[in-house]
């Protein structure tokens, strides 16, 4: 075995499965050499870390971040790249024949891929470029019905873009009008359908994001004076991407793919920053060639937990060429006014301006630092905030009240992690309600589903509340996509945990009136994107449990995602 690979495995920085891939390549390609077995193991580990490829020029820095600077030295990059070019286990991207299907791919920019992830990038890029070029010439100019909406020029351009292209990307921060624009886009598309019923699908990566999209869209449609024949075509039911595509743990392939296309004329997906590369490639594969695909997202937010940074790559490709005409960036926030301190904090974090962020926090008001080394004050403040949930008269009211406040954390484990804080808040509320400490089910307990169960209509990240029914039986209640709560016996719940405190990743796609953000000690997970995502979960207030120094370090640290999707898009476009 390669000595560097062996050291990394022994230290626990490579998983057994990573090393096993390197060992398999050594057996299957005896002439490959130790540098190939090492890069294969590192590429597999990179996938687990959220990257779609291993950039050789960034490999050492990435490995140092994993090991705290104790990683062994990797090969010299030019020599390593030359070795990989000559390896029988590595294909150059120009090789595109079945005989060339080697397990690793080295692209022209010096990234090494597991072949499947290279194909995901190339497949997605080709699909989006083909769709972007398939303009709908008959609909290039919005009709008078579209101009009748009272909207700003950016939103008008979003409508025009969606009418003119089969692919549209709408980006913007919180309150910038993405859902507002989509409501009007769908109405304009229905008006331009010439009397033909328009089949529309609305989806998001998680159940809570889908529910939030549904609520926002219903509110917007209520403001439009549209004929019933138009509004009837816009669905009230939202789906997760898993349910839309028919992805199931009991099925090796999605129900819908390039052979069986989705039966929709328009597919809208919200919260695209949360969509990983494999899922986006499957979605693009399944959307019919003559259908429109409309993606919405905030590029400042955290990328998907799984591999890839799809939205970031799309925005990059829109900025320098291939997708320029399909992208509309909404820049004006309708949620945060010019004097909003929360908006100023979010904007300064997004810019990476630590001094501006700290100046915002100097002024007392809706945003403030909180000093609470033992989390005692936090637990008491959270218990007081969650009284609104316990005081509700019905589960529907409890779910609504739960949107008023949430504790968010940067970490999952440790004294400042969501598991410890949720347990402490849970125990405090149990004492207040008179429930026994051993009770897993009690009235008002918030829970978070941690596994996909499509047969139950529940997915990882869905949040619900425990509540007795009229007969006193314990049930779990969840927000429904059409505004009606879903309910199932508590005994039928899939794997779940408490939801009084959530990691920022789990809270992505949600929105609360106020949050308490517990950062904990400085660590590699504390990044500008995490801070921006957490702050923009709040509508009116943030209590920041941190120190100025830790906040400064977090704003300065960017999330590293090694990916080549933007280059694949340029290649597909011939630019």
Protein backbone atom coordinates (compact mmCIF):
# COMPACT_ATOMS: atom_id res chain seq x y z
CA UNK A 1 0.00 0.00 0.00
CA UNK A 2 1.14 3.56 -0.64
CA UNK A 3 2.84 4.74 2.57
CA UNK A 4 1.04 8.11 2.61
CA UNK A 5 -2.27 6.34 2.11
CA UNK A 6 -1.46 3.94 4.94
CA UNK A 7 -0.58 6.79 7.31
CA UNK A 8 -3.79 8.64 6.50
CA UNK A 9 -5.87 5.55 7.11
CA UNK A 10 -4.12 4.73 10.37
CA UNK A 11 -4.67 8.28 11.61
CA UNK A 12 -8.40 8.02 10.82
CA UNK A 13 -8.38 10.77 8.21
CA UNK A 14 -9.24 8.32 5.44
CA UNK A 15 -12.18 5.97 5.78
CA UNK A 16 -11.76 2.27 5.22
CA UNK A 17 -13.86 2.53 2.07
CA UNK A 18 -11.54 5.23 0.69
CA UNK A 19 -8.46 3.09 1.20
CA UNK A 20 -10.31 0.09 -0.24
CA UNK A 21 -10.81 1.93 -3.52
CA UNK A 22 -7.09 2.62 -3.74
CA UNK A 23 -6.33 -1.02 -2.98
CA UNK A 24 -8.76 -2.21 -5.66
CA UNK A 25 -7.13 0.05 -8.25
CA UNK A 26 -3.71 -1.32 -7.28
CA UNK A 27 -4.99 -4.86 -7.94
CA UNK A 28 -6.99 -4.06 -11.10
CA UNK A 29 -4.29 -1.84 -12.64
CA UNK A 30 -0.91 -3.17 -11.46
CA UNK A 31 0.94 -0.62 -13.58
CA UNK A 32 -0.96 2.30 -12.08
CA UNK A 33 1.58 3.01 -9.37
CA UNK A 34 1.26 4.28 -5.76
CA UNK A 35 0.45 7.87 -6.75
CA UNK A 36 -2.71 6.63 -8.51
CA UNK A 37 -3.85 4.53 -5.56
CA UNK A 38 -3.33 7.54 -3.29
CA UNK A 39 -5.28 9.93 -5.50
CA UNK A 40 -8.15 7.44 -5.84
CA UNK A 41 -8.51 7.20 -2.05
CA UNK A 42 -8.30 10.97 -1.68
CA UNK A 43 -10.90 11.50 -4.43
CA UNK A 44 -13.30 9.14 -2.63
CA UNK A 45 -12.72 11.01 0.65
CA UNK A 46 -13.33 14.30 -1.13
CA UNK A 47 -16.78 13.12 -2.23
CA UNK A 48 -17.65 12.39 1.38
CA UNK A 49 -16.51 15.93 2.25
CA UNK A 50 -18.92 17.52 -0.25
CA UNK A 51 -16.59 17.95 -3.22
CA UNK A 52 -17.29 16.51 -6.66
CA UNK A 53 -13.59 16.27 -7.55
CA UNK A 54 -10.11 16.54 -6.07
CA UNK A 55 -8.22 19.57 -7.39
CA UNK A 56 -4.56 18.58 -7.26
CA UNK A 57 -3.47 22.17 -6.59
CA UNK A 58 -5.80 22.36 -3.57
CA UNK A 59 -5.34 18.82 -2.28
CA UNK A 60 -2.64 19.63 0.27
CA UNK A 61 -4.54 22.57 1.78
CA UNK A 62 -7.74 20.52 1.93
CA UNK A 63 -5.96 17.59 3.57
CA UNK A 64 -4.26 19.91 6.06
CA UNK A 65 -7.69 21.28 7.02
CA UNK A 66 -8.91 17.74 7.68
CA UNK A 67 -5.91 16.78 9.77
CA UNK A 68 -5.27 20.02 11.61
CA UNK A 69 -2.05 20.56 9.69
CA UNK A 70 -0.58 17.15 10.51
CA UNK A 71 -1.12 15.57 7.07
CA UNK A 72 1.84 14.00 5.29
CA UNK A 73 3.19 15.84 2.24
CA UNK A 74 1.49 14.94 -1.02
CA UNK A 75 3.41 14.50 -4.27
CA UNK A 76 4.62 17.55 -6.19
CA UNK A 77 1.65 18.64 -8.30
CA UNK A 78 3.28 18.81 -11.77
CA UNK A 79 4.99 15.43 -11.29
CA UNK A 80 1.79 13.95 -9.84
CA UNK A 81 -0.25 15.18 -12.80
CA UNK A 82 2.26 13.74 -15.27
CA UNK A 83 2.11 10.39 -13.48
CA UNK A 84 -1.69 10.39 -13.60
CA UNK A 85 -1.72 11.20 -17.31
CA UNK A 86 0.31 8.04 -17.87
CA UNK A 87 -1.72 5.86 -15.49
CA UNK A 88 -3.86 3.08 -17.04
CA UNK A 89 -6.53 3.75 -14.39
CA UNK A 90 -6.97 7.39 -15.37
CA UNK A 91 -8.77 8.71 -18.47
CA UNK A 92 -8.29 12.11 -20.00
CA UNK A 93 -11.59 13.93 -20.55
CA UNK A 94 -11.10 13.79 -24.32
CA UNK A 95 -11.52 10.01 -24.20
CA UNK A 96 -15.21 9.41 -24.62
CA UNK A 97 -15.53 5.86 -25.89
CA UNK A 98 -16.63 2.79 -23.91
CA UNK A 99 -13.10 1.39 -24.13
CA UNK A 100 -11.87 4.45 -22.28
CA UNK A 101 -14.17 4.05 -19.27
CA UNK A 102 -11.48 3.96 -16.64
CA UNK A 103 -12.40 4.45 -12.98
CA UNK A 104 -10.71 7.85 -12.64
CA UNK A 105 -10.88 10.95 -14.84
CA UNK A 106 -8.36 13.81 -14.95
CA UNK A 107 -9.80 16.98 -16.45
CA UNK A 108 -7.89 19.70 -18.27
CA UNK A 109 -7.88 21.89 -15.17
CA UNK A 110 -6.06 19.32 -13.03
CA UNK A 111 -8.99 17.82 -11.13
CA UNK A 112 -9.23 14.09 -10.51
CA UNK A 113 -12.71 12.55 -10.45
CA UNK A 114 -14.35 9.30 -9.66
CA UNK A 115 -15.83 8.70 -13.12
CA UNK A 116 -19.44 8.73 -11.94
CA UNK A 117 -19.12 12.30 -10.64
CA UNK A 118 -17.40 13.50 -13.78
CA UNK A 119 -20.31 12.07 -15.77
CA UNK A 120 -22.79 13.79 -13.45
CA UNK A 121 -21.11 17.14 -14.19
CA UNK A 122 -20.86 16.56 -17.92
CA UNK A 123 -24.42 15.22 -18.20
CA UNK A 124 -25.85 18.16 -16.25
CA UNK A 125 -23.83 20.71 -18.22
CA UNK A 126 -24.89 19.32 -21.60
CA UNK A 127 -28.53 19.20 -20.54
CA UNK A 128 -28.61 22.77 -19.23
CA UNK A 129 -26.74 24.26 -22.19
CA UNK A 130 -29.04 22.47 -24.66
CA UNK A 131 -32.06 23.71 -22.74
CA UNK A 132 -30.69 27.26 -22.49
CA UNK A 133 -30.19 27.38 -26.25
CA UNK A 134 -33.67 26.08 -27.05
CA UNK A 135 -35.32 29.50 -26.95
CA UNK A 136 -39.08 29.78 -27.22
CA UNK A 137 -39.05 32.30 -30.08
CA UNK A 138 -42.82 32.71 -30.01
CA UNK A 139 -42.66 34.00 -26.43
CA UNK A 140 -39.63 36.28 -26.42
CA UNK A 141 -41.61 39.37 -25.44
CA UNK A 142 -44.05 39.31 -22.51
CA UNK A 143 -47.60 40.13 -23.48
CA UNK A 144 -49.71 42.93 -22.05
CA UNK A 145 -51.00 40.65 -19.29
CA UNK A 146 -47.46 40.37 -17.88
CA UNK A 147 -46.91 44.12 -18.01
CA UNK A 148 -50.10 44.65 -16.06
CA UNK A 149 -48.48 43.28 -12.90
CA UNK A 150 -47.07 45.94 -10.57
CA UNK A 151 -43.49 44.71 -10.44
CA UNK A 152 -40.02 46.17 -10.58
CA UNK A 153 -37.74 45.92 -13.65
CA UNK A 154 -35.76 42.95 -12.27
CA UNK A 155 -38.92 40.93 -11.75
CA UNK A 156 -40.21 41.97 -15.18
CA UNK A 157 -36.96 40.66 -16.65
CA UNK A 158 -37.45 37.37 -14.79
CA UNK A 159 -40.81 36.94 -16.50
CA UNK A 160 -39.37 37.80 -19.90
CA UNK A 161 -36.49 35.35 -19.39
CA UNK A 162 -38.79 32.52 -18.36
CA UNK A 163 -40.97 33.12 -21.40
CA UNK A 164 -38.00 33.20 -23.75
CA UNK A 165 -36.01 30.21 -22.49
CA UNK A 166 -36.50 26.62 -21.45
CA UNK A 167 -34.03 27.18 -18.61
CA UNK A 168 -34.23 30.09 -16.16
CA UNK A 169 -32.13 30.75 -13.06
CA UNK A 170 -33.47 33.31 -10.59
CA UNK A 171 -31.19 34.19 -7.69
CA UNK A 172 -31.46 36.61 -4.80
CA UNK A 173 -31.19 37.01 -1.06
CA UNK A 174 -33.97 36.85 1.52
CA UNK A 175 -37.02 38.89 0.60
CA UNK A 176 -35.72 39.71 -2.87
CA UNK A 177 -38.93 38.49 -4.49
CA UNK A 178 -38.02 35.07 -5.90
CA UNK A 179 -41.40 33.56 -4.99
CA UNK A 180 -43.16 36.80 -5.92
CA UNK A 181 -41.56 36.56 -9.35
CA UNK A 182 -42.40 32.87 -9.77
CA UNK A 183 -46.08 33.48 -9.06
CA UNK A 184 -46.15 36.02 -11.85
CA UNK A 185 -44.01 33.89 -14.13
CA UNK A 186 -46.44 30.99 -13.79
CA UNK A 187 -49.41 33.29 -14.34
CA UNK A 188 -47.76 34.73 -17.47
CA UNK A 189 -46.92 31.25 -18.76
CA UNK A 190 -50.51 30.14 -18.22
CA UNK A 191 -51.77 33.22 -20.03
CA UNK A 192 -49.44 32.52 -22.95
CA UNK A 193 -50.46 28.87 -23.18
CA UNK A 194 -53.23 29.77 -25.59
CA UNK A 195 -55.96 27.97 -23.68
CA UNK A 196 -54.00 24.74 -23.39
CA UNK A 197 -53.80 23.51 -19.78
CA UNK A 198 -50.31 24.01 -18.40
CA UNK A 199 -48.91 21.13 -16.34
CA UNK A 200 -46.76 22.60 -13.54
CA UNK A 201 -44.65 20.91 -10.85
CA UNK A 202 -43.33 22.80 -7.82
CA UNK A 203 -40.58 21.22 -5.75
CA UNK A 204 -37.85 21.84 -3.18
CA UNK A 205 -35.06 19.71 -1.70
CA UNK A 206 -36.77 19.18 1.68
CA UNK A 207 -40.30 18.89 2.94
CA UNK A 208 -40.09 22.06 5.01
CA UNK A 209 -38.68 24.02 2.06
CA UNK A 210 -41.51 22.69 -0.11
CA UNK A 211 -44.09 23.67 2.51
CA UNK A 212 -42.59 27.15 2.79
CA UNK A 213 -42.65 27.55 -1.00
CA UNK A 214 -46.29 26.51 -1.01
CA UNK A 215 -47.26 29.02 1.67
CA UNK A 216 -45.44 31.86 -0.04
CA UNK A 217 -46.87 31.03 -3.45
CA UNK A 218 -50.43 30.78 -2.13
CA UNK A 219 -50.01 34.19 -0.49
CA UNK A 220 -48.76 35.71 -3.75
CA UNK A 221 -51.50 34.19 -5.87
CA UNK A 222 -54.06 35.64 -3.50
CA UNK A 223 -52.83 39.11 -4.42
CA UNK A 224 -53.26 38.61 -8.16
CA UNK A 225 -56.54 39.35 -9.86
CA UNK A 226 -56.43 36.39 -12.22
CA UNK A 227 -59.19 34.43 -13.94
CA UNK A 228 -60.04 31.12 -12.28
CA UNK A 229 -58.94 29.31 -15.43
CA UNK A 230 -55.41 30.66 -14.86
CA UNK A 231 -55.11 30.11 -11.10
CA UNK A 232 -56.51 26.60 -11.43
CA UNK A 233 -53.43 25.61 -13.42
CA UNK A 234 -51.01 26.62 -10.65
CA UNK A 235 -50.69 23.74 -8.17
CA UNK A 236 -51.17 24.18 -4.43
CA UNK A 237 -49.35 20.94 -3.63
CA UNK A 238 -45.55 21.09 -3.42
CA UNK A 239 -43.22 18.12 -3.59
CA UNK A 240 -39.76 17.22 -2.48
CA UNK A 241 -37.35 16.44 -5.29
CA UNK A 242 -37.25 12.85 -4.10
CA UNK A 243 -41.01 12.47 -4.47
CA UNK A 244 -41.08 14.39 -7.77
CA UNK A 245 -38.51 12.06 -9.36
CA UNK A 246 -39.71 8.92 -7.63
CA UNK A 247 -36.44 8.36 -5.79
CA UNK A 248 -36.84 5.53 -3.32
CA UNK A 249 -34.52 3.33 -1.22
CA UNK A 250 -36.36 0.35 -2.71
CA UNK A 251 -35.72 1.37 -6.32
CA UNK A 252 -32.28 1.38 -7.95
CA UNK A 253 -33.26 4.11 -10.42
CA UNK A 254 -35.64 7.08 -10.12
CA UNK A 255 -39.09 6.50 -11.53
CA UNK A 256 -38.51 9.39 -13.95
CA UNK A 257 -35.32 9.73 -16.01
CA UNK A 258 -34.25 10.23 -19.63
CA UNK A 259 -36.37 7.28 -20.76
CA UNK A 260 -39.50 8.16 -18.77
CA UNK A 261 -39.75 11.93 -18.61
CA UNK A 262 -41.66 13.97 -16.04
CA UNK A 263 -45.19 14.72 -17.32
CA UNK A 264 -44.93 18.48 -16.81
CA UNK A 265 -44.59 21.55 -19.03
CA UNK A 266 -42.95 23.62 -16.28
CA UNK A 267 -40.81 22.43 -13.36
CA UNK A 268 -39.94 24.95 -10.64
CA UNK A 269 -37.37 24.11 -7.94
CA UNK A 270 -36.75 26.36 -4.93
CA UNK A 271 -33.74 26.42 -2.55
CA UNK A 272 -31.36 25.15 -5.23
CA UNK A 273 -28.32 25.87 -3.03
CA UNK A 274 -29.36 22.73 -1.10
CA UNK A 275 -29.48 20.48 -4.18
CA UNK A 276 -26.44 18.23 -4.66
CA UNK A 277 -24.83 17.35 -7.97
CA UNK A 278 -26.27 13.82 -8.41
CA UNK A 279 -29.81 15.00 -7.64
CA UNK A 280 -29.58 17.97 -10.01
CA UNK A 281 -28.21 15.75 -12.77
CA UNK A 282 -31.13 13.35 -12.27
CA UNK A 283 -33.61 16.22 -12.34
CA UNK A 284 -32.23 17.72 -15.56
CA UNK A 285 -32.26 14.25 -17.09
CA UNK A 286 -35.93 13.76 -16.27
CA UNK A 287 -37.36 17.12 -17.39
CA UNK A 288 -38.83 16.82 -20.89
CA UNK A 289 -36.85 18.50 -23.67
CA UNK A 290 -39.68 20.88 -24.53
CA UNK A 291 -40.48 21.74 -20.90
CA UNK A 292 -39.26 24.73 -18.94
CA UNK A 293 -36.97 24.30 -15.93
CA UNK A 294 -36.94 27.23 -13.48
CA UNK A 295 -34.45 27.21 -10.59
CA UNK A 296 -34.54 29.56 -7.59
CA UNK A 297 -31.85 30.04 -4.98
CA UNK A 298 -29.61 32.23 -2.86
CA UNK A 299 -25.93 31.73 -3.81
CA UNK A 300 -24.76 33.13 -0.47
CA UNK A 301 -26.17 30.18 1.45
CA UNK A 302 -24.51 26.92 2.37
CA UNK A 303 -24.05 24.40 -0.40
CA UNK A 304 -25.65 20.97 -0.26
CA UNK A 305 -24.34 18.60 2.39
CA UNK A 306 -23.66 16.04 -0.34
CA UNK A 307 -21.27 16.46 -3.27
CA UNK A 308 -21.11 19.54 -5.41
CA UNK A 309 -21.85 23.26 -5.39
CA UNK A 310 -24.40 23.37 -8.19
CA UNK A 311 -25.86 26.83 -7.63
CA UNK A 312 -22.44 28.43 -7.24
CA UNK A 313 -21.29 26.88 -10.52
CA UNK A 314 -24.44 28.00 -12.34
CA UNK A 315 -24.00 31.57 -11.14
CA UNK A 316 -20.33 31.50 -12.16
CA UNK A 317 -21.23 30.22 -15.62
CA UNK A 318 -23.95 32.87 -15.91
CA UNK A 319 -21.47 35.59 -15.06
CA UNK A 320 -18.90 34.79 -17.72
CA UNK A 321 -20.91 33.45 -20.60
CA UNK A 322 -22.80 30.21 -21.16
CA UNK A 323 -25.86 30.93 -19.00
CA UNK A 324 -25.80 34.74 -19.03
CA UNK A 325 -29.08 35.17 -20.89
CA UNK A 326 -30.89 32.69 -18.63
CA UNK A 327 -29.94 34.25 -15.29
CA UNK A 328 -31.80 36.99 -13.44
CA UNK A 329 -30.32 38.26 -10.16
CA UNK A 330 -32.81 39.99 -7.86
CA UNK A 331 -30.82 42.50 -5.82
CA UNK A 332 -33.41 44.49 -3.84
CA UNK A 333 -34.62 43.07 -0.51
CA UNK A 334 -38.27 43.68 0.24
CA UNK A 335 -37.94 42.00 3.64
CA UNK A 336 -35.16 44.18 5.02
CA UNK A 337 -35.59 47.91 4.60
CA UNK A 338 -32.75 50.38 4.16
CA UNK A 339 -32.55 50.87 7.94
CA UNK A 340 -32.81 47.16 8.87
CA UNK A 341 -29.96 46.10 11.15
CA UNK A 342 -30.63 42.45 10.32
CA UNK A 343 -30.38 43.19 6.62
CA UNK A 344 -27.19 45.17 7.20
CA UNK A 345 -25.69 42.26 9.14
CA UNK A 346 -26.58 39.74 6.44
CA UNK A 347 -25.21 41.97 3.69
CA UNK A 348 -21.95 42.64 5.51
CA UNK A 349 -21.42 38.91 6.14
CA UNK A 350 -22.12 38.14 2.47
CA UNK A 351 -19.52 40.75 1.44
CA UNK A 352 -17.00 39.38 3.92
CA UNK A 353 -16.85 42.77 5.66
CA UNK A 354 -16.11 41.82 9.26
CA UNK A 355 -15.71 45.40 10.45
CA UNK A 356 -19.15 46.36 9.13
CA UNK A 357 -20.71 43.28 10.74
CA UNK A 358 -19.18 44.10 14.12
CA UNK A 359 -20.33 47.72 13.84
CA UNK A 360 -23.91 46.50 13.34
CA UNK A 361 -23.61 44.42 16.49
CA UNK A 362 -22.42 47.40 18.54
CA UNK A 363 -25.92 48.89 18.54
CA UNK A 364 -28.51 47.38 20.91
CA UNK A 365 -31.73 46.25 19.34
CA UNK A 366 -32.92 43.26 17.39
CA UNK A 367 -29.39 41.86 17.02
CA UNK A 368 -27.00 41.43 19.92
CA UNK A 369 -24.13 39.41 21.31
CA UNK A 370 -25.00 37.21 24.26
CA UNK A 371 -22.39 36.07 26.77
CA UNK A 372 -23.42 32.75 28.26
CA UNK A 373 -20.51 30.38 28.83
CA UNK A 374 -22.61 27.62 30.39
CA UNK A 375 -25.66 28.05 28.13
CA UNK A 376 -27.84 28.57 31.21
CA UNK A 377 -29.32 31.84 30.02
CA UNK A 378 -29.82 30.40 26.54
CA UNK A 379 -31.82 27.44 27.84
CA UNK A 380 -34.03 29.69 29.96
CA UNK A 381 -34.57 32.14 27.08
CA UNK A 382 -35.43 29.26 24.73
CA UNK A 383 -37.84 27.73 27.23
CA UNK A 384 -39.60 31.08 27.54
CA UNK A 385 -39.80 31.47 23.76
CA UNK A 386 -41.22 27.96 23.30
CA UNK A 387 -44.04 28.69 25.77
CA UNK A 388 -46.08 29.77 22.76
CA UNK A 389 -45.89 26.17 21.46
CA UNK A 390 -46.95 24.67 24.78
CA UNK A 391 -49.80 27.18 25.15
CA UNK A 392 -51.32 26.36 21.77
CA UNK A 393 -54.84 24.95 21.71
CA UNK A 394 -54.29 22.67 18.72
CA UNK A 395 -51.37 21.10 16.85
CA UNK A 396 -51.89 23.44 13.90
CA UNK A 397 -51.41 26.40 16.24
CA UNK A 398 -48.39 24.73 17.81
CA UNK A 399 -46.74 24.32 14.40
CA UNK A 400 -47.42 27.96 13.64
CA UNK A 401 -46.03 29.05 17.02
CA UNK A 402 -42.88 26.99 16.45
CA UNK A 403 -41.98 29.31 13.57
CA UNK A 404 -41.56 32.13 16.03
CA UNK A 405 -38.23 30.99 17.46
CA UNK A 406 -35.49 28.42 17.08
CA UNK A 407 -32.02 27.76 18.45
CA UNK A 408 -29.47 27.23 15.67
CA UNK A 409 -25.97 25.86 16.14
CA UNK A 410 -22.83 25.62 14.06
CA UNK A 411 -22.00 22.20 15.53
CA UNK A 412 -23.93 19.01 16.10
CA UNK A 413 -21.85 17.56 18.93
CA UNK A 414 -20.25 19.03 22.02
CA UNK A 415 -21.59 21.36 24.72
CA UNK A 416 -22.51 24.00 22.12
CA UNK A 417 -23.93 21.47 19.67
CA UNK A 418 -27.59 21.01 18.80
CA UNK A 419 -27.88 17.61 20.49
CA UNK A 420 -26.77 18.86 23.92
CA UNK A 421 -28.77 22.09 23.70
CA UNK A 422 -31.92 20.37 22.49
CA UNK A 423 -31.67 17.88 25.37
CA UNK A 424 -31.29 20.73 27.88
CA UNK A 425 -34.23 22.71 26.44
CA UNK A 426 -36.32 19.54 26.22
CA UNK A 427 -35.65 18.73 29.89
CA UNK A 428 -36.54 22.27 30.96
CA UNK A 429 -39.82 22.22 29.06
CA UNK A 430 -40.69 18.76 30.35
CA UNK A 431 -40.39 20.03 33.93
CA UNK A 432 -42.60 22.99 33.04
CA UNK A 433 -45.30 20.75 31.56
CA UNK A 434 -45.11 18.12 34.29
CA UNK A 435 -43.98 15.39 31.91
CA UNK A 436 -41.58 12.81 33.29
CA UNK A 437 -37.96 13.02 32.23
CA UNK A 438 -38.25 9.50 30.79
CA UNK A 439 -41.17 10.44 28.54
CA UNK A 440 -40.26 10.41 24.86
CA UNK A 441 -43.73 11.63 23.87
CA UNK A 442 -45.21 14.72 25.45
CA UNK A 443 -47.51 17.50 24.32
CA UNK A 444 -45.62 20.17 22.41
CA UNK A 445 -42.34 18.34 21.80
CA UNK A 446 -40.79 19.42 18.48
CA UNK A 447 -39.19 16.66 16.42
CA UNK A 448 -37.03 16.48 13.30
CA UNK A 449 -37.24 13.55 10.87
CA UNK A 450 -33.75 12.23 10.06
CA UNK A 451 -34.49 9.69 7.32
CA UNK A 452 -36.44 9.68 4.06
CA UNK A 453 -39.69 7.73 4.22
CA UNK A 454 -41.52 8.50 0.97
CA UNK A 455 -44.22 5.94 1.72
CA UNK A 456 -45.19 8.13 4.71
CA UNK A 457 -44.72 11.38 2.85
CA UNK A 458 -41.89 12.30 5.24
CA UNK A 459 -38.34 13.25 4.39
CA UNK A 460 -35.10 14.07 6.15
CA UNK A 461 -35.45 17.54 7.65
CA UNK A 462 -39.24 17.62 8.11
CA UNK A 463 -40.22 19.19 11.44
CA UNK A 464 -43.31 18.21 13.42
CA UNK A 465 -44.90 18.42 16.83
CA UNK A 466 -46.09 15.69 19.19
CA UNK A 467 -49.73 16.19 20.20
CA UNK A 468 -52.53 13.95 21.47
CA UNK A 469 -55.59 13.44 19.28
CA UNK A 470 -59.17 13.70 20.51
CA UNK A 471 -58.90 10.21 22.02
CA UNK A 472 -55.65 10.95 23.81
CA UNK A 473 -53.49 8.90 21.44
CA UNK A 474 -50.08 10.38 20.70
CA UNK A 475 -49.73 11.63 17.13
CA UNK A 476 -47.09 13.49 15.18
CA UNK A 477 -48.28 16.48 13.18
CA UNK A 478 -46.39 18.01 10.25
CA UNK A 479 -47.00 20.97 7.98
CA UNK A 480 -48.73 19.89 4.79
CA UNK A 481 -47.82 21.28 1.38
CA UNK A 482 -51.42 22.39 0.78
CA UNK A 483 -51.74 24.09 4.19
CA UNK A 484 -53.42 21.12 5.88
CA UNK A 485 -51.29 19.35 8.52
CA UNK A 486 -50.29 15.74 7.96
CA UNK A 487 -50.73 13.43 10.90
CA UNK A 488 -49.57 9.91 11.71
CA UNK A 489 -49.38 7.78 14.86
CA UNK A 490 -46.27 8.51 16.90
CA UNK A 491 -45.49 4.80 16.86
CA UNK A 492 -45.14 4.97 13.07
CA UNK A 493 -42.56 7.75 13.11
CA UNK A 494 -39.35 7.14 11.12
CA UNK A 495 -36.00 7.90 12.80
CA UNK A 496 -36.15 11.34 14.38
CA UNK A 497 -34.66 13.58 17.05
CA UNK A 498 -35.57 16.71 18.99
CA UNK A 499 -35.96 19.97 17.09
CA UNK A 500 -35.83 22.73 19.70
CA UNK A 501 -32.23 23.23 18.57
CA UNK A 502 -31.04 22.57 15.01
CA UNK A 503 -27.79 22.79 13.13
CA UNK A 504 -27.75 25.58 10.57
CA UNK A 505 -27.63 22.91 7.84
CA UNK A 506 -30.85 21.34 9.10
CA UNK A 507 -32.52 24.74 9.40
CA UNK A 508 -31.74 25.66 5.80
CA UNK A 509 -34.97 26.15 3.91
CA UNK A 510 -36.79 27.25 7.08
CA UNK A 511 -37.70 30.70 8.32
CA UNK A 512 -38.32 31.92 11.88
CA UNK A 513 -39.21 35.25 13.40
CA UNK A 514 -36.24 35.12 15.76
CA UNK A 515 -33.26 32.84 16.23
CA UNK A 516 -30.58 32.27 18.84
CA UNK A 517 -27.36 31.42 17.03
CA UNK A 518 -24.85 29.43 19.09
CA UNK A 519 -21.50 29.42 17.35
CA UNK A 520 -19.35 27.74 19.99
CA UNK A 521 -15.57 27.60 19.61
CA UNK A 522 -13.93 28.57 16.34
CA UNK A 523 -13.67 25.61 13.98
CA UNK A 524 -13.38 24.79 10.29
CA UNK A 525 -17.18 24.43 9.97
CA UNK A 526 -17.68 28.07 10.93
CA UNK A 527 -17.69 29.85 7.58
CA UNK A 528 -19.10 32.95 5.96
CA UNK A 529 -21.75 30.84 4.20
CA UNK A 530 -22.86 29.22 7.46
CA UNK A 531 -23.15 32.59 9.21
CA UNK A 532 -25.06 34.13 6.30
CA UNK A 533 -27.41 31.16 6.11
CA UNK A 534 -28.11 31.28 9.84
CA UNK A 535 -28.72 35.03 10.01
CA UNK A 536 -31.07 34.94 7.03
CA UNK A 537 -33.25 32.30 8.73
CA UNK A 538 -34.53 35.13 10.95
CA UNK A 539 -37.06 37.74 9.96
CA UNK A 540 -36.77 40.14 12.88
CA UNK A 541 -34.13 39.25 15.46
CA UNK A 542 -30.93 37.35 16.22
CA UNK A 543 -29.25 36.65 19.57
CA UNK A 544 -25.66 35.73 18.76
CA UNK A 545 -23.95 33.48 21.30
CA UNK A 546 -20.36 34.09 20.29
CA UNK A 547 -17.46 36.47 20.67
CA UNK A 548 -16.29 39.19 18.25
CA UNK A 549 -13.09 37.27 17.56
CA UNK A 550 -14.88 34.05 16.68
CA UNK A 551 -17.35 35.92 14.48
CA UNK A 552 -14.50 37.68 12.69
CA UNK A 553 -12.74 34.37 12.01
CA UNK A 554 -15.95 32.81 10.68
CA UNK A 555 -16.73 35.66 8.27
CA UNK A 556 -13.19 35.51 6.89
CA UNK A 557 -13.35 31.75 6.25
CA UNK A 558 -14.94 30.63 2.97
CA UNK A 559 -16.44 27.23 2.25
CA UNK A 560 -14.13 25.28 -0.05
CA UNK A 561 -15.88 23.18 -2.67
CA UNK A 562 -13.74 21.51 -5.31
CA UNK A 563 -15.92 21.18 -8.40
CA UNK A 564 -15.60 21.52 -12.15
CA UNK A 565 -19.21 22.09 -13.14
CA UNK A 566 -18.61 25.66 -14.30
CA UNK A 567 -15.85 24.38 -16.60
CA UNK A 568 -18.13 21.59 -17.88
CA UNK A 569 -20.75 24.24 -18.71
CA UNK A 570 -18.19 26.27 -20.65
CA UNK A 571 -17.03 23.15 -22.48
CA UNK A 572 -20.61 22.19 -23.36
CA UNK A 573 -21.20 25.69 -24.68
CA UNK A 574 -17.96 25.66 -26.65
CA UNK A 575 -16.64 28.74 -24.83
